[in-house]
Amino acid sequence: MATFRRIAFFIGLNIIVVLTLSFVMSLLGIGSYLDANGINYGSLIAFCLIWGMGGAFISLFLSKKIAKWTMGVEIIDPQTSNADLRDLVQTVHGLARQAGLTTMPEVGYYRSPEVNAFATGPTKNNSLVAVSTGLLSSMDKRSVDGVLGHEVAHIANGDMVTMTLLQGVVNAFVMALARVVAFAIDQFLRGRDENSSGLGGLAYPFTVMALEIVLFIPGSMIVAYFSRMREYRADIGGAKFAGRENMIGALRSLQRLHDVNLQVPEKSGAIAALKIDTNKGGRMALLFSTHPPLEARIARLERQAL
């Protein structure tokens, strides 16, 4: 049932994105970027920016709702009578105040055996920190504090908006370059043969699609690199807010849990907190990883001056 709900929600979200962006394009009067003179670069840039960045920002705007619906996150009342949950809220809010946040994040949890925590939300003043019951039951209080400090640092650093902007720019660039290259191929084919129709019919859109897939590979590497840098920065923030030893302890606890769970196949995918990456796929896999290997993160944090 939960899987069906997630699939239905994301299908619905994609429909909303397409309809919203189509409506915006219609309002702005942006139609085709091709005319009798070739590519209208003004229209092309507008077209790609709207489609490339629009979907990313709609997803960001809805990120809290998506997390609550798809993950089943239960928001904790700061005045709850449950002492453990109240302490969790107080810990997050204490870390948030240390980070200079003026509006406290919502704090929630969801029932799952996975060891996971995440921060989301469209702005610093409209954010959510959520943890799994698996994390709360698998880690000691100091390590949990380190994980929470890391997630609060993501909010304080504005990482959700930063990565959304970067992803949107990459999307727009890939879309624009794919269309320019496809148009050049079309003109080249026409130039070689007067009777050639170039990339007529369905050939042009399929060429654009193929080029987007190819160009998205280096684009993904760029986004992944910046994401890894933000993770290092969030580790430093977590160390400042929760204490260096607590942050390092959190990373080491995750490493131990990961190593133990590798011995049990049915649990091998149960750890997601701070996106463990052991770099077993080699250098190429690391290029596409959004999080650095735990060993590198621990080593950098140990030598980092706070």
Protein backbone atom coordinates (compact mmCIF):
# COMPACT_ATOMS: atom_id res chain seq x y z
CA MET A 1 0.00 0.00 0.00
CA ALA A 2 2.81 2.42 0.90
CA THR A 3 4.62 1.68 -2.38
CA PHE A 4 1.43 2.24 -4.37
CA ARG A 5 0.87 5.53 -2.55
CA ARG A 6 4.39 6.72 -3.40
CA ILE A 7 4.03 5.77 -7.07
CA ALA A 8 0.62 7.45 -7.31
CA PHE A 9 1.92 10.57 -5.59
CA PHE A 10 4.92 10.95 -7.91
CA ILE A 11 2.79 10.36 -11.01
CA GLY A 12 0.42 13.02 -9.76
CA LEU A 13 3.34 15.37 -9.04
CA ASN A 14 4.70 14.96 -12.55
CA ILE A 15 1.27 15.72 -14.00
CA ILE A 16 1.08 18.87 -11.86
CA VAL A 17 4.56 19.93 -13.00
CA VAL A 18 3.76 19.46 -16.69
CA LEU A 19 0.39 21.25 -16.47
CA THR A 20 1.83 24.11 -14.41
CA LEU A 21 4.80 24.70 -16.68
CA SER A 22 2.65 24.41 -19.81
CA PHE A 23 0.29 27.03 -18.35
CA VAL A 24 3.22 29.34 -17.54
CA MET A 25 4.60 28.94 -21.08
CA SER A 26 1.19 29.78 -22.48
CA LEU A 27 0.86 32.89 -20.30
CA LEU A 28 4.30 34.10 -21.36
CA GLY A 29 3.54 33.41 -25.01
CA ILE A 30 6.55 31.16 -25.42
CA GLY A 31 5.86 28.66 -28.15
CA SER A 32 8.34 26.98 -30.42
CA TYR A 33 11.97 28.09 -30.31
CA LEU A 34 12.31 27.24 -34.01
CA ASP A 35 11.16 29.64 -36.72
CA ALA A 36 11.82 30.29 -40.41
CA ASN A 37 15.21 31.81 -39.58
CA GLY A 38 16.36 28.88 -37.46
CA ILE A 39 16.69 28.91 -33.69
CA ASN A 40 15.22 31.85 -31.81
CA TYR A 41 17.77 31.87 -28.99
CA GLY A 42 15.70 34.13 -26.76
CA SER A 43 12.78 31.72 -26.89
CA LEU A 44 15.12 28.75 -26.53
CA ILE A 45 16.70 30.15 -23.34
CA ALA A 46 13.29 31.00 -21.88
CA PHE A 47 11.92 27.57 -22.86
CA CYS A 48 14.82 25.69 -21.28
CA LEU A 49 14.95 27.80 -18.11
CA ILE A 50 11.23 27.33 -17.49
CA TRP A 51 11.28 23.59 -18.09
CA GLY A 52 14.72 22.99 -16.60
CA MET A 53 14.26 24.98 -13.41
CA GLY A 54 10.49 24.94 -13.08
CA GLY A 55 10.18 21.27 -12.20
CA ALA A 56 13.06 21.48 -9.72
CA PHE A 57 11.52 24.42 -7.86
CA ILE A 58 8.02 22.96 -7.82
CA SER A 59 9.48 19.82 -6.25
CA LEU A 60 11.38 21.96 -3.73
CA PHE A 61 8.24 23.92 -2.87
CA LEU A 62 6.36 20.67 -2.25
CA SER A 63 9.28 18.85 -0.61
CA LYS A 64 7.87 18.86 2.93
CA LYS A 65 4.48 17.62 1.77
CA ILE A 66 6.15 14.96 -0.38
CA ALA A 67 8.17 13.73 2.61
CA LYS A 68 5.16 13.63 4.90
CA TRP A 69 2.96 11.80 2.42
CA THR A 70 5.43 9.35 0.93
CA MET A 71 7.48 8.58 4.05
CA GLY A 72 4.58 8.69 6.47
CA VAL A 73 6.35 11.28 8.64
CA GLU A 74 4.51 12.05 11.87
CA ILE A 75 5.14 15.60 13.09
CA ILE A 76 5.94 15.76 16.81
CA ASP A 77 4.10 18.25 19.00
CA PRO A 78 6.80 20.11 21.00
CA GLN A 79 4.52 19.74 24.05
CA THR A 80 4.01 16.00 23.64
CA SER A 81 3.80 13.95 26.82
CA ASN A 82 6.24 11.41 25.35
CA ALA A 83 9.54 12.33 27.03
CA ASP A 84 11.74 10.76 24.32
CA LEU A 85 9.97 12.55 21.48
CA ARG A 86 9.91 15.82 23.41
CA ASP A 87 13.65 15.50 23.95
CA LEU A 88 14.12 14.90 20.22
CA VAL A 89 12.30 18.13 19.40
CA GLN A 90 14.22 20.07 22.04
CA THR A 91 17.52 18.73 20.70
CA VAL A 92 16.74 19.78 17.12
CA HIS A 93 15.52 23.21 18.23
CA GLY A 94 18.61 23.70 20.40
CA LEU A 95 20.85 22.87 17.45
CA ALA A 96 18.80 25.17 15.22
CA ARG A 97 19.27 28.08 17.62
CA GLN A 98 23.03 27.44 17.65
CA ALA A 99 22.93 27.54 13.85
CA GLY A 100 21.27 30.96 13.96
CA LEU A 101 17.87 29.87 12.69
CA THR A 102 15.07 32.17 13.84
CA THR A 103 12.21 29.87 12.86
CA MET A 104 12.45 26.39 14.31
CA PRO A 105 12.17 23.42 11.93
CA GLU A 106 9.30 21.00 12.26
CA VAL A 107 10.52 17.73 13.77
CA GLY A 108 9.07 14.37 12.85
CA TYR A 109 9.72 10.66 12.74
CA TYR A 110 8.57 7.76 10.62
CA ARG A 111 8.32 4.08 11.36
CA SER A 112 10.94 2.16 9.41
CA PRO A 113 13.83 -0.21 10.22
CA GLU A 114 16.16 1.79 7.98
CA VAL A 115 18.73 3.97 9.73
CA ASN A 116 17.90 7.30 8.19
CA ALA A 117 17.49 11.02 8.84
CA PHE A 118 16.90 13.87 6.44
CA ALA A 119 16.19 17.59 6.26
CA THR A 120 13.92 19.13 3.67
CA GLY A 121 11.83 22.20 2.97
CA PRO A 122 11.76 25.14 0.54
CA THR A 123 13.41 27.69 2.88
CA LYS A 124 15.26 27.99 6.18
CA ASN A 125 12.04 29.25 7.74
CA ASN A 126 9.93 26.40 6.38
CA SER A 127 11.91 23.24 7.01
CA LEU A 128 11.56 19.74 8.40
CA VAL A 129 13.98 17.40 10.15
CA ALA A 130 12.83 13.79 10.27
CA VAL A 131 14.37 10.59 11.60
CA SER A 132 13.45 6.94 11.32
CA THR A 133 12.60 4.76 14.28
CA GLY A 134 15.42 2.51 13.05
CA LEU A 135 17.95 5.28 13.63
CA LEU A 136 16.59 6.11 17.09
CA SER A 137 16.77 2.47 18.17
CA SER A 138 20.20 1.73 16.64
CA MET A 139 22.31 4.68 17.77
CA ASP A 140 23.19 6.17 21.14
CA LYS A 141 22.12 9.66 22.14
CA ARG A 142 25.44 11.35 21.28
CA SER A 143 25.53 9.82 17.81
CA VAL A 144 21.91 10.80 17.19
CA ASP A 145 22.86 14.36 18.20
CA GLY A 146 25.64 14.30 15.60
CA VAL A 147 23.22 13.15 12.88
CA LEU A 148 20.72 15.85 13.85
CA GLY A 149 23.47 18.48 13.88
CA HIS A 150 24.39 17.47 10.33
CA GLU A 151 20.78 17.81 9.15
CA VAL A 152 20.33 21.19 10.86
CA ALA A 153 23.55 22.36 9.16
CA HIS A 154 21.98 21.53 5.79
CA ILE A 155 19.09 23.84 6.63
CA ALA A 156 21.34 26.62 7.98
CA ASN A 157 23.56 26.40 4.89
CA GLY A 158 20.56 26.65 2.56
CA ASP A 159 21.58 23.44 0.83
CA MET A 160 18.09 22.55 -0.41
CA VAL A 161 17.77 25.80 -2.36
CA THR A 162 21.42 25.77 -3.50
CA MET A 163 21.23 22.27 -4.93
CA THR A 164 17.84 23.00 -6.53
CA LEU A 165 19.32 26.06 -8.27
CA LEU A 166 22.31 24.05 -9.45
CA GLN A 167 20.16 21.19 -10.71
CA GLY A 168 17.88 23.64 -12.49
CA VAL A 169 20.80 25.38 -14.23
CA VAL A 170 22.26 22.03 -15.31
CA ASN A 171 18.87 20.88 -16.58
CA ALA A 172 18.41 24.09 -18.59
CA PHE A 173 21.94 23.93 -20.03
CA VAL A 174 21.52 20.29 -21.07
CA MET A 175 18.17 21.01 -22.71
CA ALA A 176 19.51 24.04 -24.60
CA LEU A 177 22.74 22.40 -25.78
CA ALA A 178 20.88 19.25 -26.92
CA ARG A 179 18.56 21.35 -29.08
CA VAL A 180 21.36 23.46 -30.55
CA VAL A 181 23.37 20.34 -31.46
CA ALA A 182 20.30 18.61 -32.90
CA PHE A 183 19.58 21.70 -35.01
CA ALA A 184 23.19 21.76 -36.24
CA ILE A 185 22.93 18.08 -37.22
CA ASP A 186 19.67 18.83 -39.01
CA GLN A 187 21.26 21.69 -40.96
CA PHE A 188 24.32 19.57 -41.77
CA LEU A 189 22.18 16.82 -43.25
CA ARG A 190 20.21 19.33 -45.29
CA GLY A 191 23.42 20.90 -46.58
CA ARG A 192 24.88 17.62 -47.77
CA ASP A 193 21.86 16.71 -49.88
CA GLU A 194 19.44 19.20 -51.42
CA ASN A 195 16.72 16.54 -51.36
CA SER A 196 17.28 15.71 -47.70
CA SER A 197 14.65 16.79 -45.18
CA GLY A 198 17.24 16.72 -42.41
CA LEU A 199 15.97 15.38 -39.11
CA GLY A 200 12.38 15.49 -40.20
CA GLY A 201 9.38 13.89 -38.53
CA LEU A 202 10.12 12.10 -35.27
CA ALA A 203 13.87 12.01 -35.91
CA TYR A 204 14.45 15.50 -34.49
CA PRO A 205 12.74 15.02 -31.10
CA PHE A 206 14.34 11.58 -30.69
CA THR A 207 17.76 13.09 -31.50
CA VAL A 208 17.15 15.78 -28.88
CA MET A 209 16.15 13.12 -26.36
CA ALA A 210 19.25 11.03 -27.06
CA LEU A 211 21.52 14.08 -26.76
CA GLU A 212 19.88 15.05 -23.46
CA ILE A 213 20.60 11.58 -22.07
CA VAL A 214 24.24 11.77 -23.17
CA LEU A 215 24.76 15.33 -21.92
CA PHE A 216 23.03 14.60 -18.63
CA ILE A 217 25.90 12.25 -17.70
CA PRO A 218 28.54 15.00 -17.25
CA GLY A 219 25.79 17.21 -15.84
CA SER A 220 25.09 14.63 -13.14
CA MET A 221 28.79 14.50 -12.31
CA ILE A 222 28.82 18.27 -11.75
CA VAL A 223 25.77 18.13 -9.48
CA ALA A 224 27.21 15.16 -7.57
CA TYR A 225 30.52 16.97 -7.02
CA PHE A 226 28.85 20.04 -5.52
CA SER A 227 26.62 17.79 -3.42
CA ARG A 228 29.69 16.07 -1.95
CA MET A 229 31.19 19.46 -1.09
CA ARG A 230 27.95 20.45 0.67
CA GLU A 231 28.08 17.21 2.67
CA TYR A 232 31.58 18.00 3.91
CA ARG A 233 30.35 21.45 4.90
CA ALA A 234 27.33 19.98 6.70
CA ASP A 235 29.65 17.64 8.61
CA ILE A 236 31.62 20.67 9.80
CA GLY A 237 28.39 22.40 10.77
CA GLY A 238 27.22 19.31 12.63
CA ALA A 239 30.53 19.25 14.52
CA LYS A 240 30.11 22.92 15.49
CA PHE A 241 26.53 22.58 16.66
CA ALA A 242 26.56 19.09 18.22
CA GLY A 243 30.25 18.73 19.06
CA ARG A 244 33.10 17.31 16.99
CA GLU A 245 33.21 14.01 18.87
CA ASN A 246 29.45 13.53 18.51
CA MET A 247 29.64 14.17 14.77
CA ILE A 248 32.59 11.84 14.30
CA GLY A 249 30.87 9.31 16.56
CA ALA A 250 27.77 9.47 14.37
CA LEU A 251 29.79 8.74 11.24
CA ARG A 252 31.63 5.88 12.92
CA SER A 253 28.38 4.42 14.25
CA LEU A 254 26.93 4.49 10.76
CA GLN A 255 30.05 2.78 9.44
CA ARG A 256 29.75 0.03 12.06
CA LEU A 257 26.06 -0.46 11.35
CA HIS A 258 26.79 -0.59 7.64
CA ASP A 259 29.51 -3.22 8.09
CA VAL A 260 27.26 -5.34 10.31
CA ASN A 261 24.28 -5.11 7.98
CA LEU A 262 26.39 -6.15 5.00
CA GLN A 263 26.59 -9.55 6.65
CA VAL A 264 22.78 -9.85 6.50
CA PRO A 265 21.51 -9.62 2.89
CA GLU A 266 17.96 -8.63 3.85
CA LYS A 267 19.36 -5.67 5.82
CA SER A 268 22.00 -4.54 3.36
CA GLY A 269 19.85 -1.64 2.16
CA ALA A 270 18.65 -0.57 5.59
CA ILE A 271 21.09 2.28 6.14
CA ALA A 272 20.47 5.60 4.45
CA ALA A 273 21.43 8.16 7.10
CA LEU A 274 23.92 10.69 5.72
CA LYS A 275 24.01 8.55 2.56
CA ILE A 276 26.73 6.02 3.37
CA ASP A 277 29.14 5.49 0.52
CA THR A 278 31.98 3.02 0.96
CA ASN A 279 33.35 3.81 -2.53
CA LYS A 280 33.34 0.11 -3.44
CA GLY A 281 32.43 1.01 -7.01
CA GLY A 282 35.78 2.72 -7.52
CA ARG A 283 36.60 6.17 -8.81
CA MET A 284 33.93 6.11 -11.53
CA ALA A 285 31.16 5.33 -9.04
CA LEU A 286 32.40 8.14 -6.79
CA LEU A 287 31.98 10.64 -9.65
CA PHE A 288 28.23 10.01 -9.54
CA SER A 289 27.92 9.74 -5.76
CA THR A 290 26.15 12.63 -4.01
CA HIS A 291 27.93 11.82 -0.72
CA PRO A 292 31.65 11.23 -0.07
CA PRO A 293 32.84 7.92 1.42
CA LEU A 294 32.48 7.78 5.20
CA GLU A 295 36.20 7.19 5.67
CA ALA A 296 37.00 10.42 3.82
CA ARG A 297 34.41 12.36 5.80
CA ILE A 298 35.75 11.13 9.13
CA ALA A 299 39.34 11.88 8.12
CA ARG A 300 38.50 15.39 6.95
CA LEU A 301 36.50 16.15 10.09
CA GLU A 302 39.33 14.93 12.34
CA ARG A 303 41.80 17.35 10.78
CA GLN A 304 39.35 20.22 10.27
CA ALA A 305 39.83 23.32 12.43
CA LEU A 306 36.44 24.42 13.76
